[in-house]
Each structure stands twice: as C-alpha cells, then as structure tokens.
Amino acid sequence: MTKPILGYWKIRGLAAGIRYQLAYSKVDFDEDVYEQGDGPDFSRASWMDVKNYQGLEYPNLPYIKDGDVALSESGAIHRYCAKKWAPDLLCLDDAEMYGKTEMAWGVVSDVKGFVTGPCYNGSMTKEELAAASLPRLELLAKSLNSNKFLAGDKVCCADFQFVELLEFVDFVSAGEVYRVYPQLKVYRDRLFGLSGLKEYYEKAEKLPFNNKVAKINN
C-alpha cells in the first residue's frame, strides 16, 4: 500500500504536530521536503516552482497526499488523519467532548499565532517574546491541573499542536516555562511518552523551529 506523503518546509513549524499525530496513530508516512534558500534572498523557489503542480485545490504548505486525496491547511490535515487512522482523537461520540477539543484547538492556535509572528517580523527580541508568551499559557496550564490532556482524559488533535508550541516556548524561555508552570512539563512528558510518539520523538531529526528567514530560531 502506498504511504501517505506529508509535504512541508525543512523545519518543524506547522508540520511538527502533524508528524506527532501520525506517529501516535502508528501511520508510516513519507515526506516531500522543501528547503528555503540561504540569505540574503531566502529563496522559496523550491516550493513556489512546483506548488501549482501538486494536485492541490488550495496549494499551500503543509499538505498531505493519501492515494487520491490531496489536502492542504494544517487543521484539515489533522482532522483528516484523525478520522482515517485515529477517530478517537476527534471525540465524535460525545458532543461536549467534541466541542472541548475544538475549543482547545482554537485557543492553542491563537497562542501559536501570537508566538510565531514576532519570530518573522522582528517585533520582539527572543527575551521579550518569552516574557510575553508565558502569561498566554496560564489558562491552558490551569486546565491541565485537573486534566491529563487538553480535553480531559483523552488525547485530541490539539494536544499535538500544543506540545510542539511548548517545545518552542521552552526554547525561547530557556526552560522558564516549566519553572512557572510545572504541570506543563508533566503534560509534555506524558504526551511524548505515548506509544508511537515516544519512539518517533526519540529518533526524529530535530529540525529548526522556523524557516531560515526568521529572526528568532534555534
């Protein structure tokens, strides 16, 4: 059987959470990797030259190809992969739980958007970004005082996105995030200890968080 193909830049970015989810779901996948050029031009030609020839209705990165299916947009990819390979991630059998998973997705996406912007537009230093990011995690951390995962006792798609966000905030804050919110370290270790994801995370190449043009990167 043909493996699904995940297409993205040679970074962690929006694809890291998808990679984690596929690993957790025990899905063997291949990747189409696009690399941004070095400065000063930081060419995106590796993707721009081929983006309109990928069979995508809305050409963008990340994308997934699975047989005759070709999808872009990270949220759609997470949900497609869950529906096909790990339906329990969607919590569709319980309206309240489903609503909570979508609520968590929205909250995490908002924080990720806030954190990612300054990395590229240079509006904050690394230290300023760390200081501004920590308060935005307060409610998520509070939720995890009593919950194993973002929506309760069950893993959902948002968890894979959130744990990667924590990886980045851990980097910019030099570990301060886990001193302020120790429950987030417990959560992070719990998620990365899950079967499938544990093995993937231990062996996966640790790519840069952001693209080469970013002002804040590892």
N, C-alpha and C. Protein backbone atom coordinates (compact mmCIF):
# COMPACT_ATOMS: atom_id res chain seq x y z
N MET A 1 0.83 -1.18 0.00
CA MET A 1 0.00 0.00 0.00
C MET A 1 0.88 1.25 0.00
N THR A 2 0.49 2.25 -0.77
CA THR A 2 1.24 3.49 -0.85
C THR A 2 1.15 4.27 0.46
N LYS A 3 2.27 4.77 0.91
CA LYS A 3 2.28 5.56 2.14
C LYS A 3 1.73 6.96 1.88
N PRO A 4 1.07 7.56 2.85
CA PRO A 4 0.71 8.97 2.72
C PRO A 4 1.99 9.81 2.70
N ILE A 5 1.89 10.96 2.06
CA ILE A 5 3.04 11.86 1.92
C ILE A 5 2.69 13.21 2.55
N LEU A 6 3.51 13.64 3.47
CA LEU A 6 3.35 14.95 4.10
C LEU A 6 4.35 15.90 3.47
N GLY A 7 3.88 17.01 2.96
CA GLY A 7 4.75 17.99 2.33
C GLY A 7 4.90 19.24 3.18
N TYR A 8 6.16 19.67 3.39
CA TYR A 8 6.38 20.88 4.18
C TYR A 8 7.82 21.34 4.03
N TRP A 9 8.08 22.52 4.57
CA TRP A 9 9.45 23.02 4.63
C TRP A 9 10.32 22.12 5.51
N LYS A 10 11.63 22.29 5.37
CA LYS A 10 12.57 21.52 6.18
C LYS A 10 12.73 22.16 7.56
N ILE A 11 11.59 22.27 8.24
CA ILE A 11 11.54 22.85 9.57
C ILE A 11 10.46 22.11 10.36
N ARG A 12 10.30 22.50 11.63
CA ARG A 12 9.24 21.91 12.45
C ARG A 12 7.91 22.61 12.15
N GLY A 13 7.83 23.89 12.44
CA GLY A 13 6.69 24.70 12.04
C GLY A 13 5.34 24.04 12.25
N LEU A 14 4.45 24.21 11.27
CA LEU A 14 3.10 23.67 11.34
C LEU A 14 3.04 22.16 11.16
N ALA A 15 4.11 21.59 10.62
CA ALA A 15 4.08 20.15 10.34
C ALA A 15 4.47 19.29 11.53
N ALA A 16 5.12 19.87 12.53
CA ALA A 16 5.59 19.06 13.65
C ALA A 16 4.44 18.34 14.34
N GLY A 17 3.36 19.07 14.62
CA GLY A 17 2.21 18.46 15.27
C GLY A 17 1.58 17.37 14.43
N ILE A 18 1.59 17.55 13.11
CA ILE A 18 1.05 16.52 12.22
C ILE A 18 1.93 15.28 12.27
N ARG A 19 3.23 15.49 12.25
CA ARG A 19 4.16 14.35 12.36
C ARG A 19 3.93 13.60 13.67
N TYR A 20 3.75 14.34 14.75
CA TYR A 20 3.50 13.69 16.04
C TYR A 20 2.21 12.87 16.00
N GLN A 21 1.17 13.45 15.40
CA GLN A 21 -0.12 12.75 15.36
C GLN A 21 -0.04 11.49 14.52
N LEU A 22 0.64 11.57 13.38
CA LEU A 22 0.80 10.39 12.54
C LEU A 22 1.59 9.30 13.27
N ALA A 23 2.62 9.71 13.99
CA ALA A 23 3.42 8.74 14.75
C ALA A 23 2.58 8.09 15.84
N TYR A 24 1.81 8.90 16.56
CA TYR A 24 0.92 8.37 17.60
C TYR A 24 -0.08 7.39 17.01
N SER A 25 -0.55 7.68 15.80
CA SER A 25 -1.55 6.85 15.12
C SER A 25 -0.94 5.64 14.45
N LYS A 26 0.39 5.48 14.58
CA LYS A 26 1.12 4.33 14.01
C LYS A 26 1.01 4.30 12.48
N VAL A 27 1.05 5.49 11.88
CA VAL A 27 0.98 5.61 10.43
C VAL A 27 2.39 5.80 9.88
N ASP A 28 2.80 4.95 8.98
CA ASP A 28 4.09 5.07 8.31
C ASP A 28 3.91 6.03 7.13
N PHE A 29 4.66 7.11 7.12
CA PHE A 29 4.47 8.13 6.09
C PHE A 29 5.80 8.58 5.52
N ASP A 30 5.74 9.10 4.30
CA ASP A 30 6.89 9.72 3.65
C ASP A 30 6.72 11.23 3.68
N GLU A 31 7.79 11.94 3.31
CA GLU A 31 7.72 13.40 3.31
C GLU A 31 8.29 13.97 2.01
N ASP A 32 7.63 15.00 1.51
CA ASP A 32 8.18 15.88 0.49
C ASP A 32 8.75 17.08 1.24
N VAL A 33 10.05 17.29 1.15
CA VAL A 33 10.71 18.33 1.94
C VAL A 33 11.17 19.45 1.02
N TYR A 34 10.82 20.67 1.37
CA TYR A 34 11.20 21.86 0.62
C TYR A 34 12.10 22.71 1.51
N GLU A 35 13.21 23.18 0.95
CA GLU A 35 14.16 23.94 1.76
C GLU A 35 14.27 25.37 1.25
N GLN A 36 14.13 26.31 2.17
CA GLN A 36 14.31 27.71 1.82
C GLN A 36 15.79 27.99 1.57
N GLY A 37 16.05 28.87 0.61
CA GLY A 37 17.43 29.22 0.31
C GLY A 37 18.06 30.07 1.40
N ASP A 38 19.37 30.17 1.35
CA ASP A 38 20.09 30.98 2.33
C ASP A 38 19.92 32.46 2.03
N GLY A 39 20.29 33.29 3.02
CA GLY A 39 20.23 34.73 2.84
C GLY A 39 21.32 35.22 1.89
N PRO A 40 21.19 36.41 1.35
CA PRO A 40 20.18 37.40 1.76
C PRO A 40 18.83 37.25 1.07
N ASP A 41 18.73 36.39 0.06
CA ASP A 41 17.48 36.31 -0.71
C ASP A 41 16.43 35.41 -0.06
N PHE A 42 16.87 34.38 0.64
CA PHE A 42 15.97 33.42 1.27
C PHE A 42 14.91 32.92 0.28
N SER A 43 15.39 32.42 -0.84
CA SER A 43 14.50 31.99 -1.92
C SER A 43 13.55 30.88 -1.48
N ARG A 44 12.30 31.00 -1.93
CA ARG A 44 11.29 29.98 -1.68
C ARG A 44 10.99 29.19 -2.95
N ALA A 45 11.93 29.25 -3.91
CA ALA A 45 11.70 28.65 -5.22
C ALA A 45 11.48 27.15 -5.16
N SER A 46 12.07 26.47 -4.20
CA SER A 46 11.91 25.01 -4.13
C SER A 46 10.44 24.63 -4.03
N TRP A 47 9.65 25.49 -3.39
CA TRP A 47 8.21 25.26 -3.31
C TRP A 47 7.44 26.03 -4.37
N MET A 48 7.76 27.29 -4.56
CA MET A 48 6.98 28.14 -5.47
C MET A 48 7.01 27.61 -6.91
N ASP A 49 8.12 26.98 -7.29
CA ASP A 49 8.24 26.47 -8.66
C ASP A 49 7.37 25.26 -8.92
N VAL A 50 6.91 24.59 -7.87
CA VAL A 50 6.15 23.35 -8.06
C VAL A 50 4.78 23.38 -7.40
N LYS A 51 4.45 24.44 -6.68
CA LYS A 51 3.24 24.45 -5.85
C LYS A 51 1.96 24.23 -6.65
N ASN A 52 1.94 24.69 -7.88
CA ASN A 52 0.72 24.57 -8.69
C ASN A 52 0.64 23.26 -9.46
N TYR A 53 1.55 22.34 -9.17
CA TYR A 53 1.58 21.06 -9.88
C TYR A 53 1.45 19.88 -8.90
N GLN A 54 0.90 20.13 -7.74
CA GLN A 54 0.79 19.10 -6.71
C GLN A 54 -0.60 18.49 -6.61
N GLY A 55 -1.52 18.93 -7.46
CA GLY A 55 -2.87 18.40 -7.41
C GLY A 55 -3.67 18.90 -6.22
N LEU A 56 -3.28 20.06 -5.68
CA LEU A 56 -3.95 20.64 -4.52
C LEU A 56 -4.98 21.67 -4.94
N GLU A 57 -6.16 21.59 -4.37
CA GLU A 57 -7.21 22.57 -4.66
C GLU A 57 -6.79 23.96 -4.17
N TYR A 58 -6.14 23.99 -3.02
CA TYR A 58 -5.63 25.24 -2.45
C TYR A 58 -4.15 25.03 -2.14
N PRO A 59 -3.28 25.28 -3.13
CA PRO A 59 -1.86 24.98 -2.95
C PRO A 59 -1.25 25.73 -1.76
N ASN A 60 -0.71 24.99 -0.83
CA ASN A 60 -0.12 25.58 0.36
C ASN A 60 0.66 24.50 1.10
N LEU A 61 1.51 24.93 2.01
CA LEU A 61 2.22 24.03 2.91
C LEU A 61 1.75 24.26 4.33
N PRO A 62 1.53 23.18 5.08
CA PRO A 62 1.74 21.78 4.75
C PRO A 62 0.63 21.23 3.87
N TYR A 63 0.91 20.08 3.26
CA TYR A 63 -0.12 19.32 2.55
C TYR A 63 0.05 17.85 2.86
N ILE A 64 -1.00 17.10 2.59
CA ILE A 64 -0.90 15.64 2.68
C ILE A 64 -1.50 15.04 1.44
N LYS A 65 -0.85 14.01 0.92
CA LYS A 65 -1.36 13.23 -0.20
C LYS A 65 -1.54 11.80 0.29
N ASP A 66 -2.73 11.28 0.10
CA ASP A 66 -3.04 9.92 0.56
C ASP A 66 -3.90 9.26 -0.51
N GLY A 67 -3.25 8.50 -1.39
CA GLY A 67 -3.98 7.93 -2.52
C GLY A 67 -4.49 9.05 -3.41
N ASP A 68 -5.80 9.08 -3.63
CA ASP A 68 -6.41 10.10 -4.47
C ASP A 68 -6.73 11.38 -3.71
N VAL A 69 -6.48 11.39 -2.43
CA VAL A 69 -6.78 12.56 -1.59
C VAL A 69 -5.55 13.47 -1.53
N ALA A 70 -5.78 14.77 -1.72
CA ALA A 70 -4.72 15.76 -1.58
C ALA A 70 -5.30 16.97 -0.86
N LEU A 71 -4.79 17.25 0.32
CA LEU A 71 -5.33 18.32 1.16
C LEU A 71 -4.23 19.24 1.65
N SER A 72 -4.56 20.52 1.76
CA SER A 72 -3.69 21.48 2.44
C SER A 72 -4.43 22.02 3.65
N GLU A 73 -3.79 22.91 4.38
CA GLU A 73 -4.29 23.53 5.62
C GLU A 73 -4.12 22.57 6.80
N SER A 74 -3.34 23.00 7.78
CA SER A 74 -2.93 22.11 8.87
C SER A 74 -4.10 21.57 9.67
N GLY A 75 -5.11 22.40 9.95
CA GLY A 75 -6.26 21.91 10.70
C GLY A 75 -7.00 20.81 9.97
N ALA A 76 -7.18 21.00 8.67
CA ALA A 76 -7.85 19.98 7.86
C ALA A 76 -7.04 18.69 7.83
N ILE A 77 -5.73 18.82 7.76
CA ILE A 77 -4.87 17.64 7.72
C ILE A 77 -4.96 16.87 9.04
N HIS A 78 -4.89 17.58 10.15
CA HIS A 78 -5.02 16.92 11.46
C HIS A 78 -6.33 16.14 11.53
N ARG A 79 -7.42 16.76 11.13
CA ARG A 79 -8.73 16.12 11.27
C ARG A 79 -8.90 14.97 10.30
N TYR A 80 -8.40 15.12 9.08
CA TYR A 80 -8.45 14.03 8.11
C TYR A 80 -7.69 12.82 8.64
N CYS A 81 -6.48 13.06 9.13
CA CYS A 81 -5.66 11.96 9.64
C CYS A 81 -6.33 11.29 10.84
N ALA A 82 -6.96 12.10 11.68
CA ALA A 82 -7.65 11.53 12.84
C ALA A 82 -8.83 10.68 12.39
N LYS A 83 -9.64 11.21 11.50
CA LYS A 83 -10.83 10.49 11.04
C LYS A 83 -10.45 9.16 10.40
N LYS A 84 -9.34 9.14 9.66
CA LYS A 84 -8.96 7.92 8.94
C LYS A 84 -8.21 6.93 9.83
N TRP A 85 -7.29 7.42 10.67
CA TRP A 85 -6.39 6.50 11.36
C TRP A 85 -6.55 6.47 12.89
N ALA A 86 -7.17 7.48 13.46
CA ALA A 86 -7.33 7.50 14.93
C ALA A 86 -8.58 8.29 15.29
N PRO A 87 -9.77 7.76 14.97
CA PRO A 87 -11.02 8.51 15.16
C PRO A 87 -11.26 8.97 16.59
N ASP A 88 -10.71 8.27 17.56
CA ASP A 88 -10.92 8.67 18.95
C ASP A 88 -10.37 10.06 19.24
N LEU A 89 -9.42 10.52 18.44
CA LEU A 89 -8.86 11.86 18.63
C LEU A 89 -9.91 12.95 18.43
N LEU A 90 -10.96 12.65 17.67
CA LEU A 90 -11.99 13.65 17.37
C LEU A 90 -13.10 13.69 18.41
N CYS A 91 -13.20 12.65 19.23
CA CYS A 91 -14.24 12.59 20.28
C CYS A 91 -15.64 12.82 19.70
N LEU A 92 -15.92 12.25 18.55
CA LEU A 92 -17.19 12.50 17.87
C LEU A 92 -18.38 11.81 18.53
N ASP A 93 -18.12 10.90 19.45
CA ASP A 93 -19.22 10.19 20.10
C ASP A 93 -19.83 10.99 21.25
N ASP A 94 -19.28 12.15 21.55
CA ASP A 94 -19.77 12.96 22.66
C ASP A 94 -19.71 14.43 22.25
N ALA A 95 -20.87 15.07 22.15
CA ALA A 95 -20.94 16.44 21.65
C ALA A 95 -20.13 17.41 22.51
N GLU A 96 -20.23 17.26 23.83
CA GLU A 96 -19.49 18.17 24.71
C GLU A 96 -17.99 17.99 24.55
N MET A 97 -17.54 16.74 24.50
CA MET A 97 -16.11 16.49 24.34
C MET A 97 -15.60 16.98 23.00
N TYR A 98 -16.41 16.77 21.95
CA TYR A 98 -16.02 17.27 20.63
C TYR A 98 -15.87 18.79 20.68
N GLY A 99 -16.83 19.46 21.32
CA GLY A 99 -16.75 20.91 21.45
C GLY A 99 -15.50 21.34 22.20
N LYS A 100 -15.13 20.60 23.23
CA LYS A 100 -13.94 20.93 24.01
C LYS A 100 -12.67 20.76 23.18
N THR A 101 -12.64 19.73 22.34
CA THR A 101 -11.45 19.54 21.50
C THR A 101 -11.29 20.70 20.52
N GLU A 102 -12.41 21.16 19.96
CA GLU A 102 -12.35 22.27 19.02
C GLU A 102 -12.01 23.58 19.73
N MET A 103 -12.54 23.75 20.94
CA MET A 103 -12.21 24.93 21.75
C MET A 103 -10.71 24.95 22.04
N ALA A 104 -10.17 23.81 22.44
CA ALA A 104 -8.74 23.73 22.73
C ALA A 104 -7.92 24.05 21.49
N TRP A 105 -8.36 23.54 20.34
CA TRP A 105 -7.66 23.83 19.08
C TRP A 105 -7.61 25.33 18.83
N GLY A 106 -8.73 26.00 19.02
CA GLY A 106 -8.78 27.44 18.78
C GLY A 106 -7.88 28.21 19.72
N VAL A 107 -7.88 27.85 21.00
CA VAL A 107 -7.05 28.54 21.98
C VAL A 107 -5.57 28.35 21.67
N VAL A 108 -5.18 27.11 21.40
CA VAL A 108 -3.78 26.82 21.09
C VAL A 108 -3.36 27.54 19.81
N SER A 109 -4.22 27.56 18.81
CA SER A 109 -3.90 28.22 17.54
C SER A 109 -3.68 29.71 17.75
N ASP A 110 -4.49 30.32 18.61
CA ASP A 110 -4.32 31.75 18.89
C ASP A 110 -2.97 32.03 19.54
N VAL A 111 -2.59 31.20 20.50
CA VAL A 111 -1.30 31.40 21.17
C VAL A 111 -0.16 31.16 20.19
N LYS A 112 -0.29 30.14 19.37
CA LYS A 112 0.76 29.85 18.39
C LYS A 112 0.93 31.01 17.41
N GLY A 113 -0.20 31.58 16.97
CA GLY A 113 -0.12 32.72 16.07
C GLY A 113 0.59 33.90 16.71
N PHE A 114 0.30 34.14 17.99
CA PHE A 114 0.95 35.23 18.72
C PHE A 114 2.45 35.00 18.83
N VAL A 115 2.84 33.77 19.11
CA VAL A 115 4.24 33.44 19.33
C VAL A 115 5.04 33.43 18.02
N THR A 116 4.40 33.00 16.95
CA THR A 116 5.13 32.85 15.68
C THR A 116 5.40 34.18 15.00
N GLY A 117 4.45 35.11 15.05
CA GLY A 117 4.58 36.38 14.34
C GLY A 117 5.89 37.09 14.60
N PRO A 118 6.25 37.36 15.85
CA PRO A 118 7.49 38.08 16.12
C PRO A 118 8.75 37.36 15.66
N CYS A 119 8.68 36.06 15.51
CA CYS A 119 9.85 35.32 15.02
C CYS A 119 10.23 35.77 13.62
N TYR A 120 9.23 36.18 12.85
CA TYR A 120 9.46 36.57 11.47
C TYR A 120 9.48 38.08 11.26
N ASN A 121 8.65 38.81 12.01
CA ASN A 121 8.59 40.26 11.76
C ASN A 121 9.57 41.06 12.61
N GLY A 122 10.24 40.41 13.55
CA GLY A 122 11.26 41.08 14.33
C GLY A 122 10.74 42.09 15.33
N SER A 123 9.46 42.00 15.68
CA SER A 123 8.86 42.99 16.59
C SER A 123 9.28 42.79 18.04
N MET A 124 9.84 41.63 18.37
CA MET A 124 10.31 41.36 19.72
C MET A 124 11.65 40.64 19.67
N THR A 125 12.44 40.84 20.71
CA THR A 125 13.62 40.01 20.88
C THR A 125 13.19 38.66 21.43
N LYS A 126 14.11 37.73 21.44
CA LYS A 126 13.81 36.41 22.00
C LYS A 126 13.37 36.52 23.45
N GLU A 127 14.03 37.36 24.22
CA GLU A 127 13.70 37.52 25.64
C GLU A 127 12.34 38.18 25.81
N GLU A 128 12.04 39.16 24.99
CA GLU A 128 10.73 39.82 25.05
C GLU A 128 9.62 38.86 24.68
N LEU A 129 9.88 38.02 23.68
CA LEU A 129 8.87 37.05 23.26
C LEU A 129 8.61 36.04 24.37
N ALA A 130 9.65 35.60 25.03
CA ALA A 130 9.48 34.67 26.14
C ALA A 130 8.61 35.28 27.23
N ALA A 131 8.91 36.52 27.59
CA ALA A 131 8.15 37.19 28.66
C ALA A 131 6.70 37.39 28.27
N ALA A 132 6.45 37.69 26.99
CA ALA A 132 5.08 37.92 26.53
C ALA A 132 4.31 36.62 26.36
N SER A 133 5.01 35.53 26.10
CA SER A 133 4.34 34.25 25.82
C SER A 133 3.84 33.56 27.08
N LEU A 134 4.60 33.64 28.16
CA LEU A 134 4.27 32.87 29.36
C LEU A 134 2.88 33.17 29.91
N PRO A 135 2.45 34.44 30.01
CA PRO A 135 1.10 34.69 30.53
C PRO A 135 0.00 34.10 29.66
N ARG A 136 0.26 33.96 28.38
CA ARG A 136 -0.75 33.42 27.47
C ARG A 136 -0.96 31.92 27.64
N LEU A 137 -0.10 31.29 28.39
CA LEU A 137 -0.25 29.86 28.67
C LEU A 137 -0.97 29.60 29.98
N GLU A 138 -1.31 30.65 30.70
CA GLU A 138 -1.84 30.48 32.06
C GLU A 138 -3.11 29.65 32.09
N LEU A 139 -4.08 29.96 31.23
CA LEU A 139 -5.35 29.23 31.27
C LEU A 139 -5.18 27.78 30.80
N LEU A 140 -4.32 27.56 29.83
CA LEU A 140 -4.06 26.19 29.39
C LEU A 140 -3.40 25.40 30.51
N ALA A 141 -2.47 26.03 31.20
CA ALA A 141 -1.82 25.36 32.32
C ALA A 141 -2.82 25.07 33.44
N LYS A 142 -3.71 26.02 33.68
CA LYS A 142 -4.73 25.81 34.72
C LYS A 142 -5.61 24.63 34.38
N SER A 143 -5.98 24.49 33.10
CA SER A 143 -6.80 23.36 32.67
C SER A 143 -6.10 22.04 32.94
N LEU A 144 -4.79 22.04 32.78
CA LEU A 144 -4.03 20.80 32.94
C LEU A 144 -3.70 20.49 34.40
N ASN A 145 -4.15 21.33 35.32
CA ASN A 145 -4.05 20.97 36.74
C ASN A 145 -4.94 19.76 37.05
N SER A 146 -6.07 19.70 36.35
CA SER A 146 -7.05 18.65 36.64
C SER A 146 -7.28 17.69 35.48
N ASN A 147 -6.71 17.98 34.32
CA ASN A 147 -6.90 17.14 33.14
C ASN A 147 -5.58 16.53 32.69
N LYS A 148 -5.63 15.30 32.20
CA LYS A 148 -4.44 14.66 31.66
C LYS A 148 -4.04 15.30 30.34
N PHE A 149 -5.05 15.64 29.54
CA PHE A 149 -4.83 16.23 28.23
C PHE A 149 -5.75 17.45 28.08
N LEU A 150 -5.68 18.14 26.97
CA LEU A 150 -6.40 19.40 26.84
C LEU A 150 -7.91 19.25 26.96
N ALA A 151 -8.46 18.14 26.49
CA ALA A 151 -9.91 17.96 26.52
C ALA A 151 -10.35 17.00 27.62
N GLY A 152 -9.45 16.65 28.52
CA GLY A 152 -9.81 15.72 29.59
C GLY A 152 -8.88 14.53 29.65
N ASP A 153 -9.46 13.35 29.70
CA ASP A 153 -8.65 12.13 29.80
C ASP A 153 -8.22 11.58 28.45
N LYS A 154 -8.80 12.12 27.35
CA LYS A 154 -8.49 11.61 26.02
C LYS A 154 -7.61 12.59 25.25
N VAL A 155 -6.67 12.02 24.51
CA VAL A 155 -5.85 12.83 23.61
C VAL A 155 -6.71 13.34 22.46
N CYS A 156 -6.47 14.57 22.03
CA CYS A 156 -7.15 15.12 20.85
C CYS A 156 -6.11 15.77 19.94
N CYS A 157 -6.53 16.18 18.76
CA CYS A 157 -5.60 16.75 17.78
C CYS A 157 -4.85 17.95 18.35
N ALA A 158 -5.54 18.77 19.15
CA ALA A 158 -4.91 19.98 19.68
C ALA A 158 -3.71 19.67 20.56
N ASP A 159 -3.70 18.50 21.18
CA ASP A 159 -2.57 18.15 22.04
C ASP A 159 -1.26 18.10 21.27
N PHE A 160 -1.30 17.62 20.05
CA PHE A 160 -0.07 17.51 19.26
C PHE A 160 0.43 18.88 18.83
N GLN A 161 -0.50 19.78 18.57
CA GLN A 161 -0.14 21.15 18.24
C GLN A 161 0.42 21.86 19.49
N PHE A 162 -0.23 21.62 20.63
CA PHE A 162 0.17 22.32 21.85
C PHE A 162 1.53 21.86 22.35
N VAL A 163 1.80 20.57 22.30
CA VAL A 163 3.08 20.10 22.84
C VAL A 163 4.24 20.65 22.01
N GLU A 164 4.03 20.86 20.71
CA GLU A 164 5.08 21.49 19.90
C GLU A 164 5.22 22.96 20.25
N LEU A 165 4.12 23.63 20.53
CA LEU A 165 4.19 25.02 21.00
C LEU A 165 5.00 25.10 22.29
N LEU A 166 4.79 24.16 23.19
CA LEU A 166 5.57 24.14 24.43
C LEU A 166 7.05 23.92 24.16
N GLU A 167 7.37 23.10 23.19
CA GLU A 167 8.77 22.90 22.82
C GLU A 167 9.42 24.23 22.43
N PHE A 168 8.67 25.03 21.67
CA PHE A 168 9.23 26.31 21.22
C PHE A 168 9.34 27.30 22.38
N VAL A 169 8.30 27.40 23.20
CA VAL A 169 8.35 28.33 24.34
C VAL A 169 9.43 27.91 25.32
N ASP A 170 9.65 26.62 25.47
CA ASP A 170 10.75 26.13 26.30
C ASP A 170 12.07 26.65 25.75
N PHE A 171 12.21 26.65 24.43
CA PHE A 171 13.44 27.15 23.79
C PHE A 171 13.62 28.65 24.03
N VAL A 172 12.60 29.45 23.73
CA VAL A 172 12.78 30.90 23.84
C VAL A 172 12.90 31.35 25.30
N SER A 173 12.30 30.61 26.21
CA SER A 173 12.33 31.00 27.62
C SER A 173 13.45 30.33 28.40
N ALA A 174 14.27 29.54 27.71
CA ALA A 174 15.38 28.82 28.36
C ALA A 174 14.89 28.00 29.55
N GLY A 175 13.74 27.34 29.36
CA GLY A 175 13.21 26.45 30.39
C GLY A 175 12.33 27.12 31.42
N GLU A 176 12.21 28.45 31.37
CA GLU A 176 11.41 29.16 32.38
C GLU A 176 9.95 28.74 32.35
N VAL A 177 9.44 28.37 31.19
CA VAL A 177 8.03 27.97 31.08
C VAL A 177 7.71 26.83 32.04
N TYR A 178 8.63 25.91 32.23
CA TYR A 178 8.36 24.77 33.09
C TYR A 178 8.62 25.08 34.57
N ARG A 179 9.37 26.14 34.83
CA ARG A 179 9.51 26.58 36.22
C ARG A 179 8.26 27.33 36.67
N VAL A 180 7.67 28.09 35.74
CA VAL A 180 6.44 28.83 36.06
C VAL A 180 5.24 27.90 36.10
N TYR A 181 5.21 26.95 35.15
CA TYR A 181 4.07 26.03 35.04
C TYR A 181 4.59 24.58 35.06
N PRO A 182 4.93 24.06 36.22
CA PRO A 182 5.48 22.69 36.26
C PRO A 182 4.51 21.64 35.74
N GLN A 183 3.21 21.93 35.80
CA GLN A 183 2.24 20.95 35.30
C GLN A 183 2.36 20.79 33.78
N LEU A 184 2.88 21.81 33.10
CA LEU A 184 3.08 21.69 31.66
C LEU A 184 4.23 20.75 31.33
N LYS A 185 5.22 20.68 32.19
CA LYS A 185 6.31 19.71 31.99
C LYS A 185 5.78 18.29 32.20
N VAL A 186 4.93 18.10 33.20
CA VAL A 186 4.31 16.79 33.42
C VAL A 186 3.49 16.39 32.20
N TYR A 187 2.71 17.34 31.68
CA TYR A 187 1.89 17.11 30.49
C TYR A 187 2.77 16.78 29.28
N ARG A 188 3.81 17.57 29.09
CA ARG A 188 4.71 17.36 27.95
C ARG A 188 5.32 15.96 27.99
N ASP A 189 5.79 15.55 29.16
CA ASP A 189 6.40 14.23 29.29
C ASP A 189 5.37 13.12 29.11
N ARG A 190 4.16 13.36 29.57
CA ARG A 190 3.09 12.37 29.41
C ARG A 190 2.78 12.16 27.93
N LEU A 191 2.68 13.25 27.19
CA LEU A 191 2.33 13.14 25.77
C LEU A 191 3.45 12.47 24.98
N PHE A 192 4.68 12.91 25.21
CA PHE A 192 5.80 12.33 24.49
C PHE A 192 6.13 10.91 24.96
N GLY A 193 5.47 10.46 26.02
CA GLY A 193 5.63 9.09 26.46
C GLY A 193 4.63 8.13 25.87
N LEU A 194 3.69 8.65 25.06
CA LEU A 194 2.67 7.80 24.46
C LEU A 194 3.28 6.88 23.40
N SER A 195 2.79 5.67 23.34
CA SER A 195 3.28 4.68 22.38
C SER A 195 3.16 5.22 20.96
N GLY A 196 4.18 5.01 20.18
CA GLY A 196 4.22 5.51 18.81
C GLY A 196 4.90 6.85 18.76
N LEU A 197 4.40 7.81 19.52
CA LEU A 197 5.01 9.13 19.56
C LEU A 197 6.35 9.08 20.29
N LYS A 198 6.44 8.31 21.34
CA LYS A 198 7.69 8.19 22.09
C LYS A 198 8.83 7.72 21.19
N GLU A 199 8.58 6.67 20.44
CA GLU A 199 9.61 6.12 19.57
C GLU A 199 9.97 7.10 18.46
N TYR A 200 8.97 7.78 17.91
CA TYR A 200 9.23 8.75 16.85
C TYR A 200 10.07 9.91 17.37
N TYR A 201 9.67 10.47 18.51
CA TYR A 201 10.35 11.66 19.03
C TYR A 201 11.81 11.36 19.37
N GLU A 202 12.06 10.19 19.86
CA GLU A 202 13.43 9.84 20.26
C GLU A 202 14.38 9.74 19.07
N LYS A 203 13.85 9.36 17.90
CA LYS A 203 14.73 9.15 16.75
C LYS A 203 14.62 10.24 15.69
N ALA A 204 13.60 11.10 15.78
CA ALA A 204 13.36 12.09 14.73
C ALA A 204 14.45 13.15 14.72
N GLU A 205 14.80 13.60 13.52
CA GLU A 205 15.75 14.70 13.38
C GLU A 205 15.16 15.96 14.00
N LYS A 206 15.93 16.65 14.82
CA LYS A 206 15.46 17.87 15.46
C LYS A 206 15.72 19.05 14.52
N LEU A 207 14.73 19.34 13.71
CA LEU A 207 14.83 20.40 12.72
C LEU A 207 14.69 21.78 13.38
N PRO A 208 15.05 22.85 12.66
CA PRO A 208 14.79 24.20 13.18
C PRO A 208 13.29 24.42 13.37
N PHE A 209 12.93 25.25 14.34
CA PHE A 209 11.52 25.56 14.54
C PHE A 209 10.96 26.35 13.36
N ASN A 210 11.72 27.32 12.89
CA ASN A 210 11.24 28.26 11.87
C ASN A 210 12.13 28.22 10.64
N ASN A 211 11.67 28.90 9.60
CA ASN A 211 12.43 28.93 8.36
C ASN A 211 13.64 29.85 8.47
N LYS A 212 14.52 29.77 7.49
CA LYS A 212 15.80 30.47 7.55
C LYS A 212 15.65 31.98 7.67
N VAL A 213 14.58 32.52 7.15
CA VAL A 213 14.38 33.97 7.16
C VAL A 213 13.98 34.48 8.54
N ALA A 214 13.60 33.61 9.44
CA ALA A 214 13.11 34.02 10.77
C ALA A 214 14.21 34.72 11.57
N LYS A 215 13.80 35.72 12.34
CA LYS A 215 14.72 36.44 13.21
C LYS A 215 15.01 35.67 14.50
N ILE A 216 14.04 34.84 14.93
CA ILE A 216 14.20 34.02 16.14
C ILE A 216 14.11 32.56 15.73
N ASN A 217 15.17 31.81 16.02
CA ASN A 217 15.21 30.42 15.59
C ASN A 217 16.26 29.69 16.42
N ASN A 218 16.23 28.37 16.35
CA ASN A 218 17.21 27.58 17.09
C ASN A 218 18.31 27.10 16.15
